[in-house]
Amino acid sequence: MRLSRGQFLGIDLAGLSTAAFVVRITRYVPGARLEMHDHRNANLCLIVGGGFEDLAVGWGRAGIGAAVMHPGGMGHAQRFADGGSLAVNVELDRAWLRDVGGSDAAGLLRISPREVLEAAWRVRLALRARETETYVAATLARVVCGTGIGPAEQGAAARGIGCVQAGGKVELVAREVGVHASHLGREFVKRVGCSPSRMMRWERVARAAKMLEDTDLPLAVVAMRAGYCDQSHLCREIRNVLGLTPRAVRAGHENFRDWAQETSKTG
């Protein structure tokens, strides 16, 4: 990332580009300033470290744990924190955004800082998973679902996204949403890009990975709390989705502990 005058602004740590979204995890240098610019599609920024001040639309400062949406074509300029900033930037196709129950209305999303930081962590986790696009899409859908469309306007997929995190069977989610399980499955694949069961699988793996990183709980306890049948089931799923053993995730071998370290450096 460079301005026309050659000033270095930051470095992209990871990223992914698909038809529905473009994701970049970017570390900005202290005091970096983005001059007036816009994006072709809606731009979502999840602030993980530091923060920024929007210099064009008068929102003031947005700090750690904020989620900011800029509509496509809306000009804005930003100045990042003096201590540096770390952000997940996502350009979202407007049709996909609408399909999953989101809105490109300008401003801060109504989700808590804890949810923002967890979503950002899950994006990074998904970028290292074996079905990268599927799991990034599932994570982003959860972030924007219900942010701008009322329940009466939402399709089955958008309504179902909010019910998936609790786990359970697809049939139970479909019953909660009020549609047949096969219809819910078709809507998920069409709108989100994966099946409800695939999204549930991702939710379980992400919960387990977080517990492995944050606690010293025995694997059997992690398995139970994350919704697995037993420890062996947990081990198989972690390996199948992330390509790692639970021990490797916990030990730090090719895992995600450096996410917290990156964050602390920008705070």
C-alpha atoms as a PDB file:
ATOM      1  CA  MET A   1       0.000   0.000   0.000  1.00  0.00           C
ATOM      2  CA  ARG A   2       1.566   3.296  -1.067  1.00  0.00           C
ATOM      3  CA  LEU A   3       0.356   6.834  -1.608  1.00  0.00           C
ATOM      4  CA  SER A   4       1.158   8.545  -4.886  1.00  0.00           C
ATOM      5  CA  ARG A   5       3.999  10.407  -3.177  1.00  0.00           C
ATOM      6  CA  GLY A   6       5.524   7.074  -2.129  1.00  0.00           C
ATOM      7  CA  GLN A   7       4.704   7.164   1.577  1.00  0.00           C
ATOM      8  CA  PHE A   8       4.434   3.652   3.026  1.00  0.00           C
ATOM      9  CA  LEU A   9       1.088   3.083   4.778  1.00  0.00           C
ATOM     10  CA  GLY A  10       1.134  -0.501   5.946  1.00  0.00           C
ATOM     11  CA  ILE A  11       1.447  -4.156   5.060  1.00  0.00           C
ATOM     12  CA  ASP A  12      -1.162  -6.777   4.233  1.00  0.00           C
ATOM     13  CA  LEU A  13      -0.609  -9.766   6.516  1.00  0.00           C
ATOM     14  CA  ALA A  14      -3.120 -12.058   4.811  1.00  0.00           C
ATOM     15  CA  GLY A  15      -5.945 -11.896   2.315  1.00  0.00           C
ATOM     16  CA  LEU A  16      -8.428 -13.592   0.026  1.00  0.00           C
ATOM     17  CA  SER A  17     -10.361 -12.496  -3.062  1.00  0.00           C
ATOM     18  CA  THR A  18     -13.601 -14.130  -4.265  1.00  0.00           C
ATOM     19  CA  ALA A  19     -16.608 -13.066  -6.318  1.00  0.00           C
ATOM     20  CA  ALA A  20     -18.522 -12.145  -3.131  1.00  0.00           C
ATOM     21  CA  PHE A  21     -15.828 -10.496  -1.026  1.00  0.00           C
ATOM     22  CA  VAL A  22     -12.222  -9.343  -0.821  1.00  0.00           C
ATOM     23  CA  VAL A  23     -10.553  -9.697   2.594  1.00  0.00           C
ATOM     24  CA  ARG A  24      -7.301  -8.095   3.743  1.00  0.00           C
ATOM     25  CA  ILE A  25      -5.765  -8.129   7.211  1.00  0.00           C
ATOM     26  CA  THR A  26      -3.652  -4.989   7.280  1.00  0.00           C
ATOM     27  CA  ARG A  27      -1.223  -3.465   9.748  1.00  0.00           C
ATOM     28  CA  TYR A  28      -0.980   0.314   9.326  1.00  0.00           C
ATOM     29  CA  VAL A  29       2.106   2.220  10.361  1.00  0.00           C
ATOM     30  CA  PRO A  30       1.738   4.808  13.171  1.00  0.00           C
ATOM     31  CA  GLY A  31      -0.084   7.909  12.005  1.00  0.00           C
ATOM     32  CA  ALA A  32      -0.724   6.537   8.490  1.00  0.00           C
ATOM     33  CA  ARG A  33      -3.193   8.638   6.528  1.00  0.00           C
ATOM     34  CA  LEU A  34      -5.348   7.466   3.649  1.00  0.00           C
ATOM     35  CA  GLU A  35      -6.304  10.391   1.447  1.00  0.00           C
ATOM     36  CA  MET A  36      -9.816  10.737   0.005  1.00  0.00           C
ATOM     37  CA  HIS A  37     -10.810   7.510  -1.767  1.00  0.00           C
ATOM     38  CA  ASP A  38     -13.769   5.213  -2.249  1.00  0.00           C
ATOM     39  CA  HIS A  39     -14.487   1.542  -2.898  1.00  0.00           C
ATOM     40  CA  ARG A  40     -16.472  -0.035  -5.693  1.00  0.00           C
ATOM     41  CA  ASN A  41     -18.341  -2.222  -3.190  1.00  0.00           C
ATOM     42  CA  ALA A  42     -19.345  -1.773   0.422  1.00  0.00           C
ATOM     43  CA  ASN A  43     -16.275  -1.729   2.661  1.00  0.00           C
ATOM     44  CA  LEU A  44     -16.376  -3.226   6.146  1.00  0.00           C
ATOM     45  CA  CYS A  45     -13.536  -2.494   8.559  1.00  0.00           C
ATOM     46  CA  LEU A  46     -13.085  -4.527  11.745  1.00  0.00           C
ATOM     47  CA  ILE A  47     -10.634  -2.715  14.022  1.00  0.00           C
ATOM     48  CA  VAL A  48      -8.474  -5.138  15.970  1.00  0.00           C
ATOM     49  CA  GLY A  49      -5.727  -2.854  17.227  1.00  0.00           C
ATOM     50  CA  GLY A  50      -5.182   0.882  17.502  1.00  0.00           C
ATOM     51  CA  GLY A  51      -7.989   2.646  15.657  1.00  0.00           C
ATOM     52  CA  PHE A  52      -8.587   5.397  13.133  1.00  0.00           C
ATOM     53  CA  GLU A  53     -10.307   8.711  12.664  1.00  0.00           C
ATOM     54  CA  ASP A  54     -12.565   9.220   9.653  1.00  0.00           C
ATOM     55  CA  LEU A  55     -11.656  12.614   8.215  1.00  0.00           C
ATOM     56  CA  ALA A  56     -14.448  12.877   5.661  1.00  0.00           C
ATOM     57  CA  VAL A  57     -17.797  11.985   7.189  1.00  0.00           C
ATOM     58  CA  GLY A  58     -17.453  13.257  10.743  1.00  0.00           C
ATOM     59  CA  TRP A  59     -17.725  10.000  12.688  1.00  0.00           C
ATOM     60  CA  GLY A  60     -14.773  10.903  14.847  1.00  0.00           C
ATOM     61  CA  ARG A  61     -12.545   8.189  16.208  1.00  0.00           C
ATOM     62  CA  ALA A  62     -13.264   4.467  15.957  1.00  0.00           C
ATOM     63  CA  GLY A  63     -11.325   2.341  18.423  1.00  0.00           C
ATOM     64  CA  ILE A  64     -10.531  -1.311  19.048  1.00  0.00           C
ATOM     65  CA  GLY A  65     -13.576  -3.517  18.629  1.00  0.00           C
ATOM     66  CA  ALA A  66     -15.447  -1.224  16.252  1.00  0.00           C
ATOM     67  CA  ALA A  67     -16.979  -2.387  12.961  1.00  0.00           C
ATOM     68  CA  VAL A  68     -17.364   0.409  10.400  1.00  0.00           C
ATOM     69  CA  MET A  69     -19.226   0.250   7.081  1.00  0.00           C
ATOM     70  CA  HIS A  70     -18.606   2.531   4.116  1.00  0.00           C
ATOM     71  CA  PRO A  71     -21.058   2.148   1.188  1.00  0.00           C
ATOM     72  CA  GLY A  72     -19.659   1.584  -2.266  1.00  0.00           C
ATOM     73  CA  GLY A  73     -18.742   4.851  -3.971  1.00  0.00           C
ATOM     74  CA  MET A  74     -18.730   6.866  -0.738  1.00  0.00           C
ATOM     75  CA  GLY A  75     -15.626   9.011  -0.476  1.00  0.00           C
ATOM     76  CA  HIS A  76     -13.732   8.963   2.816  1.00  0.00           C
ATOM     77  CA  ALA A  77     -10.295   9.675   4.236  1.00  0.00           C
ATOM     78  CA  GLN A  78      -8.732   8.155   7.337  1.00  0.00           C
ATOM     79  CA  ARG A  79      -5.924   8.786   9.787  1.00  0.00           C
ATOM     80  CA  PHE A  80      -4.738   5.789  11.795  1.00  0.00           C
ATOM     81  CA  ALA A  81      -3.610   5.742  15.418  1.00  0.00           C
ATOM     82  CA  ASP A  82      -0.214   7.138  16.377  1.00  0.00           C
ATOM     83  CA  GLY A  83       0.684   3.746  17.833  1.00  0.00           C
ATOM     84  CA  GLY A  84      -0.255   1.931  14.608  1.00  0.00           C
ATOM     85  CA  SER A  85      -3.411  -0.012  13.774  1.00  0.00           C
ATOM     86  CA  LEU A  86      -4.449  -3.513  12.823  1.00  0.00           C
ATOM     87  CA  ALA A  87      -7.647  -3.998  10.820  1.00  0.00           C
ATOM     88  CA  VAL A  88      -9.590  -6.574   8.847  1.00  0.00           C
ATOM     89  CA  ASN A  89     -10.821  -4.817   5.703  1.00  0.00           C
ATOM     90  CA  VAL A  90     -13.545  -6.479   3.646  1.00  0.00           C
ATOM     91  CA  GLU A  91     -15.116  -5.367   0.379  1.00  0.00           C
ATOM     92  CA  LEU A  92     -18.541  -7.017   0.121  1.00  0.00           C
ATOM     93  CA  ASP A  93     -20.566  -7.507  -3.056  1.00  0.00           C
ATOM     94  CA  ARG A  94     -23.850  -5.686  -2.483  1.00  0.00           C
ATOM     95  CA  ALA A  95     -26.029  -8.563  -3.711  1.00  0.00           C
ATOM     96  CA  TRP A  96     -24.246 -11.037  -1.406  1.00  0.00           C
ATOM     97  CA  LEU A  97     -24.535  -8.600   1.485  1.00  0.00           C
ATOM     98  CA  ARG A  98     -28.274  -8.298   0.934  1.00  0.00           C
ATOM     99  CA  ASP A  99     -28.693 -12.064   0.561  1.00  0.00           C
ATOM    100  CA  VAL A 100     -27.270 -12.733   4.013  1.00  0.00           C
ATOM    101  CA  GLY A 101     -29.372 -10.057   5.702  1.00  0.00           C
ATOM    102  CA  GLY A 102     -26.927  -7.174   5.814  1.00  0.00           C
ATOM    103  CA  SER A 103     -26.963  -3.551   4.742  1.00  0.00           C
ATOM    104  CA  ASP A 104     -24.340  -1.215   3.300  1.00  0.00           C
ATOM    105  CA  ALA A 105     -25.664   1.783   5.242  1.00  0.00           C
ATOM    106  CA  ALA A 106     -22.802   4.011   6.405  1.00  0.00           C
ATOM    107  CA  GLY A 107     -21.771   3.939  10.037  1.00  0.00           C
ATOM    108  CA  LEU A 108     -20.852   1.688  12.946  1.00  0.00           C
ATOM    109  CA  LEU A 109     -22.422  -1.777  13.031  1.00  0.00           C
ATOM    110  CA  ARG A 110     -24.466  -2.582  16.101  1.00  0.00           C
ATOM    111  CA  ILE A 111     -22.323  -5.416  17.372  1.00  0.00           C
ATOM    112  CA  SER A 112     -20.267  -5.481  20.528  1.00  0.00           C
ATOM    113  CA  PRO A 113     -16.482  -5.016  20.628  1.00  0.00           C
ATOM    114  CA  ARG A 114     -16.170  -8.608  21.851  1.00  0.00           C
ATOM    115  CA  GLU A 115     -18.100  -9.864  18.810  1.00  0.00           C
ATOM    116  CA  VAL A 116     -15.987  -7.725  16.485  1.00  0.00           C
ATOM    117  CA  LEU A 117     -12.703  -9.030  17.889  1.00  0.00           C
ATOM    118  CA  GLU A 118     -13.923 -12.624  17.805  1.00  0.00           C
ATOM    119  CA  ALA A 119     -15.132 -12.218  14.218  1.00  0.00           C
ATOM    120  CA  ALA A 120     -11.752 -10.788  13.218  1.00  0.00           C
ATOM    121  CA  TRP A 121      -9.986 -13.689  14.910  1.00  0.00           C
ATOM    122  CA  ARG A 122     -12.266 -16.154  13.100  1.00  0.00           C
ATOM    123  CA  VAL A 123     -11.531 -14.531   9.749  1.00  0.00           C
ATOM    124  CA  ARG A 124      -7.847 -15.082  10.373  1.00  0.00           C
ATOM    125  CA  LEU A 125      -8.521 -18.635  11.515  1.00  0.00           C
ATOM    126  CA  ALA A 126     -10.571 -19.259   8.371  1.00  0.00           C
ATOM    127  CA  LEU A 127      -7.788 -17.912   6.165  1.00  0.00           C
ATOM    128  CA  ARG A 128      -5.645 -20.805   7.428  1.00  0.00           C
ATOM    129  CA  ALA A 129      -8.335 -23.475   7.187  1.00  0.00           C
ATOM    130  CA  ARG A 130      -8.585 -26.020   4.387  1.00  0.00           C
ATOM    131  CA  GLU A 131     -11.883 -24.710   2.992  1.00  0.00           C
ATOM    132  CA  THR A 132     -10.807 -21.090   3.216  1.00  0.00           C
ATOM    133  CA  GLU A 133     -13.509 -19.427   1.113  1.00  0.00           C
ATOM    134  CA  THR A 134     -16.321 -21.408   2.742  1.00  0.00           C
ATOM    135  CA  TYR A 135     -15.305 -20.567   6.296  1.00  0.00           C
ATOM    136  CA  VAL A 136     -14.520 -16.903   5.610  1.00  0.00           C
ATOM    137  CA  ALA A 137     -17.953 -16.571   3.997  1.00  0.00           C
ATOM    138  CA  ALA A 138     -19.624 -18.217   6.996  1.00  0.00           C
ATOM    139  CA  THR A 139     -17.811 -15.856   9.373  1.00  0.00           C
ATOM    140  CA  LEU A 140     -18.635 -12.721   7.387  1.00  0.00           C
ATOM    141  CA  ALA A 141     -22.280 -13.760   7.048  1.00  0.00           C
ATOM    142  CA  ARG A 142     -22.555 -13.939  10.831  1.00  0.00           C
ATOM    143  CA  VAL A 143     -21.026 -10.467  11.215  1.00  0.00           C
ATOM    144  CA  VAL A 144     -23.420  -8.668   8.871  1.00  0.00           C
ATOM    145  CA  CYS A 145     -26.577 -10.769   9.342  1.00  0.00           C
ATOM    146  CA  GLY A 146     -29.414  -8.643  10.681  1.00  0.00           C
ATOM    147  CA  THR A 147     -27.458  -5.380  10.606  1.00  0.00           C
ATOM    148  CA  GLY A 148     -29.816  -3.594   8.256  1.00  0.00           C
ATOM    149  CA  ILE A 149     -32.841  -5.710   7.308  1.00  0.00           C
ATOM    150  CA  GLY A 150     -35.830  -6.386   9.518  1.00  0.00           C
ATOM    151  CA  PRO A 151     -36.857  -9.984  10.327  1.00  0.00           C
ATOM    152  CA  ALA A 152     -39.923  -9.729   8.096  1.00  0.00           C
ATOM    153  CA  GLU A 153     -37.723  -8.952   5.093  1.00  0.00           C
ATOM    154  CA  GLN A 154     -35.115 -11.638   5.675  1.00  0.00           C
ATOM    155  CA  GLY A 155     -35.023 -14.853   3.680  1.00  0.00           C
ATOM    156  CA  ALA A 156     -34.590 -18.289   5.222  1.00  0.00           C
ATOM    157  CA  ALA A 157     -30.801 -18.203   5.010  1.00  0.00           C
ATOM    158  CA  ALA A 158     -30.523 -14.838   6.757  1.00  0.00           C
ATOM    159  CA  ARG A 159     -32.889 -15.975   9.513  1.00  0.00           C
ATOM    160  CA  GLY A 160     -31.062 -19.275   9.847  1.00  0.00           C
ATOM    161  CA  ILE A 161     -27.618 -17.710  10.281  1.00  0.00           C
ATOM    162  CA  GLY A 162     -28.666 -16.322  13.627  1.00  0.00           C
ATOM    163  CA  CYS A 163     -29.747 -19.772  14.834  1.00  0.00           C
ATOM    164  CA  VAL A 164     -26.668 -21.714  13.765  1.00  0.00           C
ATOM    165  CA  GLN A 165     -24.262 -20.704  16.527  1.00  0.00           C
ATOM    166  CA  ALA A 166     -26.193 -22.601  19.179  1.00  0.00           C
ATOM    167  CA  GLY A 167     -25.428 -25.837  17.329  1.00  0.00           C
ATOM    168  CA  GLY A 168     -27.837 -28.726  17.130  1.00  0.00           C
ATOM    169  CA  LYS A 169     -29.193 -30.335  13.990  1.00  0.00           C
ATOM    170  CA  VAL A 170     -30.143 -28.677  10.716  1.00  0.00           C
ATOM    171  CA  GLU A 171     -33.712 -29.897  11.191  1.00  0.00           C
ATOM    172  CA  LEU A 172     -33.950 -27.971  14.476  1.00  0.00           C
ATOM    173  CA  VAL A 173     -32.633 -24.774  12.879  1.00  0.00           C
ATOM    174  CA  ALA A 174     -35.074 -25.193   9.993  1.00  0.00           C
ATOM    175  CA  ARG A 175     -37.940 -25.633  12.455  1.00  0.00           C
ATOM    176  CA  GLU A 176     -36.878 -22.480  14.283  1.00  0.00           C
ATOM    177  CA  VAL A 177     -36.754 -20.563  10.999  1.00  0.00           C
ATOM    178  CA  GLY A 178     -40.056 -22.026   9.830  1.00  0.00           C
ATOM    179  CA  VAL A 179     -39.000 -23.805   6.645  1.00  0.00           C
ATOM    180  CA  HIS A 180     -38.232 -27.381   5.577  1.00  0.00           C
ATOM    181  CA  ALA A 181     -34.636 -28.503   6.134  1.00  0.00           C
ATOM    182  CA  SER A 182     -34.065 -29.096   2.413  1.00  0.00           C
ATOM    183  CA  HIS A 183     -35.255 -25.566   1.607  1.00  0.00           C
ATOM    184  CA  LEU A 184     -32.974 -24.106   4.259  1.00  0.00           C
ATOM    185  CA  GLY A 185     -30.072 -26.077   2.806  1.00  0.00           C
ATOM    186  CA  ARG A 186     -30.708 -24.782  -0.712  1.00  0.00           C
ATOM    187  CA  GLU A 187     -30.988 -21.204   0.543  1.00  0.00           C
ATOM    188  CA  PHE A 188     -27.728 -21.454   2.501  1.00  0.00           C
ATOM    189  CA  VAL A 189     -25.812 -22.786  -0.486  1.00  0.00           C
ATOM    190  CA  LYS A 190     -27.290 -20.116  -2.752  1.00  0.00           C
ATOM    191  CA  ARG A 191     -26.910 -17.166  -0.391  1.00  0.00           C
ATOM    192  CA  VAL A 192     -24.039 -17.953   1.958  1.00  0.00           C
ATOM    193  CA  GLY A 193     -22.044 -20.352  -0.213  1.00  0.00           C
ATOM    194  CA  CYS A 194     -22.117 -23.332   2.128  1.00  0.00           C
ATOM    195  CA  SER A 195     -24.648 -25.648   3.745  1.00  0.00           C
ATOM    196  CA  PRO A 196     -26.037 -25.064   7.265  1.00  0.00           C
ATOM    197  CA  SER A 197     -24.219 -28.182   8.456  1.00  0.00           C
ATOM    198  CA  ARG A 198     -20.931 -26.839   7.065  1.00  0.00           C
ATOM    199  CA  MET A 199     -21.457 -23.561   8.904  1.00  0.00           C
ATOM    200  CA  MET A 200     -22.250 -25.465  12.110  1.00  0.00           C
ATOM    201  CA  ARG A 201     -19.080 -27.496  11.630  1.00  0.00           C
ATOM    202  CA  TRP A 202     -17.056 -24.303  11.339  1.00  0.00           C
ATOM    203  CA  GLU A 203     -18.688 -22.856  14.453  1.00  0.00           C
ATOM    204  CA  ARG A 204     -17.730 -25.919  16.491  1.00  0.00           C
ATOM    205  CA  VAL A 205     -14.142 -25.966  15.239  1.00  0.00           C
ATOM    206  CA  ALA A 206     -13.724 -22.251  15.937  1.00  0.00           C
ATOM    207  CA  ARG A 207     -15.095 -22.636  19.471  1.00  0.00           C
ATOM    208  CA  ALA A 208     -12.745 -25.544  20.106  1.00  0.00           C
ATOM    209  CA  ALA A 209      -9.709 -23.709  18.691  1.00  0.00           C
ATOM    210  CA  LYS A 210     -10.422 -20.707  20.893  1.00  0.00           C
ATOM    211  CA  MET A 211     -10.612 -22.881  23.994  1.00  0.00           C
ATOM    212  CA  LEU A 212      -7.406 -24.655  23.036  1.00  0.00           C
ATOM    213  CA  GLU A 213      -5.622 -21.313  22.731  1.00  0.00           C
ATOM    214  CA  ASP A 214      -7.106 -19.617  25.771  1.00  0.00           C
ATOM    215  CA  THR A 215      -7.280 -22.433  28.333  1.00  0.00           C
ATOM    216  CA  ASP A 216      -5.463 -25.492  29.587  1.00  0.00           C
ATOM    217  CA  LEU A 217      -8.640 -27.560  29.735  1.00  0.00           C
ATOM    218  CA  PRO A 218      -8.223 -31.282  28.979  1.00  0.00           C
ATOM    219  CA  LEU A 219      -9.137 -32.254  25.429  1.00  0.00           C
ATOM    220  CA  ALA A 220     -12.108 -34.273  26.677  1.00  0.00           C
ATOM    221  CA  VAL A 221     -13.548 -31.167  28.345  1.00  0.00           C
ATOM    222  CA  VAL A 222     -12.900 -29.004  25.263  1.00  0.00           C
ATOM    223  CA  ALA A 223     -14.652 -31.616  23.142  1.00  0.00           C
ATOM    224  CA  MET A 224     -17.699 -31.662  25.402  1.00  0.00           C
ATOM    225  CA  ARG A 225     -17.982 -27.857  25.637  1.00  0.00           C
ATOM    226  CA  ALA A 226     -17.500 -27.381  21.894  1.00  0.00           C
ATOM    227  CA  GLY A 227     -20.237 -29.893  21.063  1.00  0.00           C
ATOM    228  CA  TYR A 228     -18.282 -32.986  20.027  1.00  0.00           C
ATOM    229  CA  CYS A 229     -19.176 -36.558  20.895  1.00  0.00           C
ATOM    230  CA  ASP A 230     -15.797 -37.252  22.486  1.00  0.00           C
ATOM    231  CA  GLN A 231     -12.107 -36.396  22.355  1.00  0.00           C
ATOM    232  CA  SER A 232     -11.401 -38.501  19.263  1.00  0.00           C
ATOM    233  CA  HIS A 233     -14.197 -36.708  17.385  1.00  0.00           C
ATOM    234  CA  LEU A 234     -12.621 -33.369  18.314  1.00  0.00           C
ATOM    235  CA  CYS A 235      -9.200 -34.485  17.110  1.00  0.00           C
ATOM    236  CA  ARG A 236     -10.545 -35.688  13.754  1.00  0.00           C
ATOM    237  CA  GLU A 237     -12.447 -32.466  13.104  1.00  0.00           C
ATOM    238  CA  ILE A 238      -9.580 -30.158  14.049  1.00  0.00           C
ATOM    239  CA  ARG A 239      -7.291 -32.105  11.739  1.00  0.00           C
ATOM    240  CA  ASN A 240      -9.828 -32.248   8.885  1.00  0.00           C
ATOM    241  CA  VAL A 241     -10.697 -28.537   9.009  1.00  0.00           C
ATOM    242  CA  LEU A 242      -7.419 -26.922  10.084  1.00  0.00           C
ATOM    243  CA  GLY A 243      -4.885 -29.557   9.085  1.00  0.00           C
ATOM    244  CA  LEU A 244      -3.534 -29.600  12.645  1.00  0.00           C
ATOM    245  CA  THR A 245      -3.820 -31.676  15.775  1.00  0.00           C
ATOM    246  CA  PRO A 246      -5.369 -30.064  18.872  1.00  0.00           C
ATOM    247  CA  ARG A 247      -1.950 -30.412  20.529  1.00  0.00           C
ATOM    248  CA  ALA A 248      -0.342 -28.442  17.698  1.00  0.00           C
ATOM    249  CA  VAL A 249      -2.953 -25.699  17.957  1.00  0.00           C
ATOM    250  CA  ARG A 250      -2.374 -25.424  21.681  1.00  0.00           C
ATOM    251  CA  ALA A 251       1.420 -25.628  21.441  1.00  0.00           C
ATOM    252  CA  GLY A 252       1.678 -22.813  18.915  1.00  0.00           C
ATOM    253  CA  HIS A 253       2.902 -24.798  15.899  1.00  0.00           C
ATOM    254  CA  GLU A 254       1.437 -22.989  12.866  1.00  0.00           C
ATOM    255  CA  ASN A 255      -1.400 -21.785  15.032  1.00  0.00           C
ATOM    256  CA  PHE A 256      -3.003 -18.460  15.820  1.00  0.00           C
ATOM    257  CA  ARG A 257      -1.481 -17.194  19.044  1.00  0.00           C
ATOM    258  CA  ASP A 258       0.462 -14.552  17.128  1.00  0.00           C
ATOM    259  CA  TRP A 259      -2.896 -12.886  16.402  1.00  0.00           C
ATOM    260  CA  ALA A 260      -2.976 -11.704  20.024  1.00  0.00           C
ATOM    261  CA  GLN A 261       0.669 -10.700  19.812  1.00  0.00           C
ATOM    262  CA  GLU A 262       0.003  -8.664  16.659  1.00  0.00           C
ATOM    263  CA  THR A 263      -2.932  -7.007  18.374  1.00  0.00           C
ATOM    264  CA  SER A 264      -0.973  -6.068  21.485  1.00  0.00           C
ATOM    265  CA  LYS A 265       1.717  -4.389  19.398  1.00  0.00           C
ATOM    266  CA  THR A 266      -0.831  -2.036  17.845  1.00  0.00           C
ATOM    267  CA  GLY A 267      -2.813  -1.176  20.990  1.00  0.00           C
END
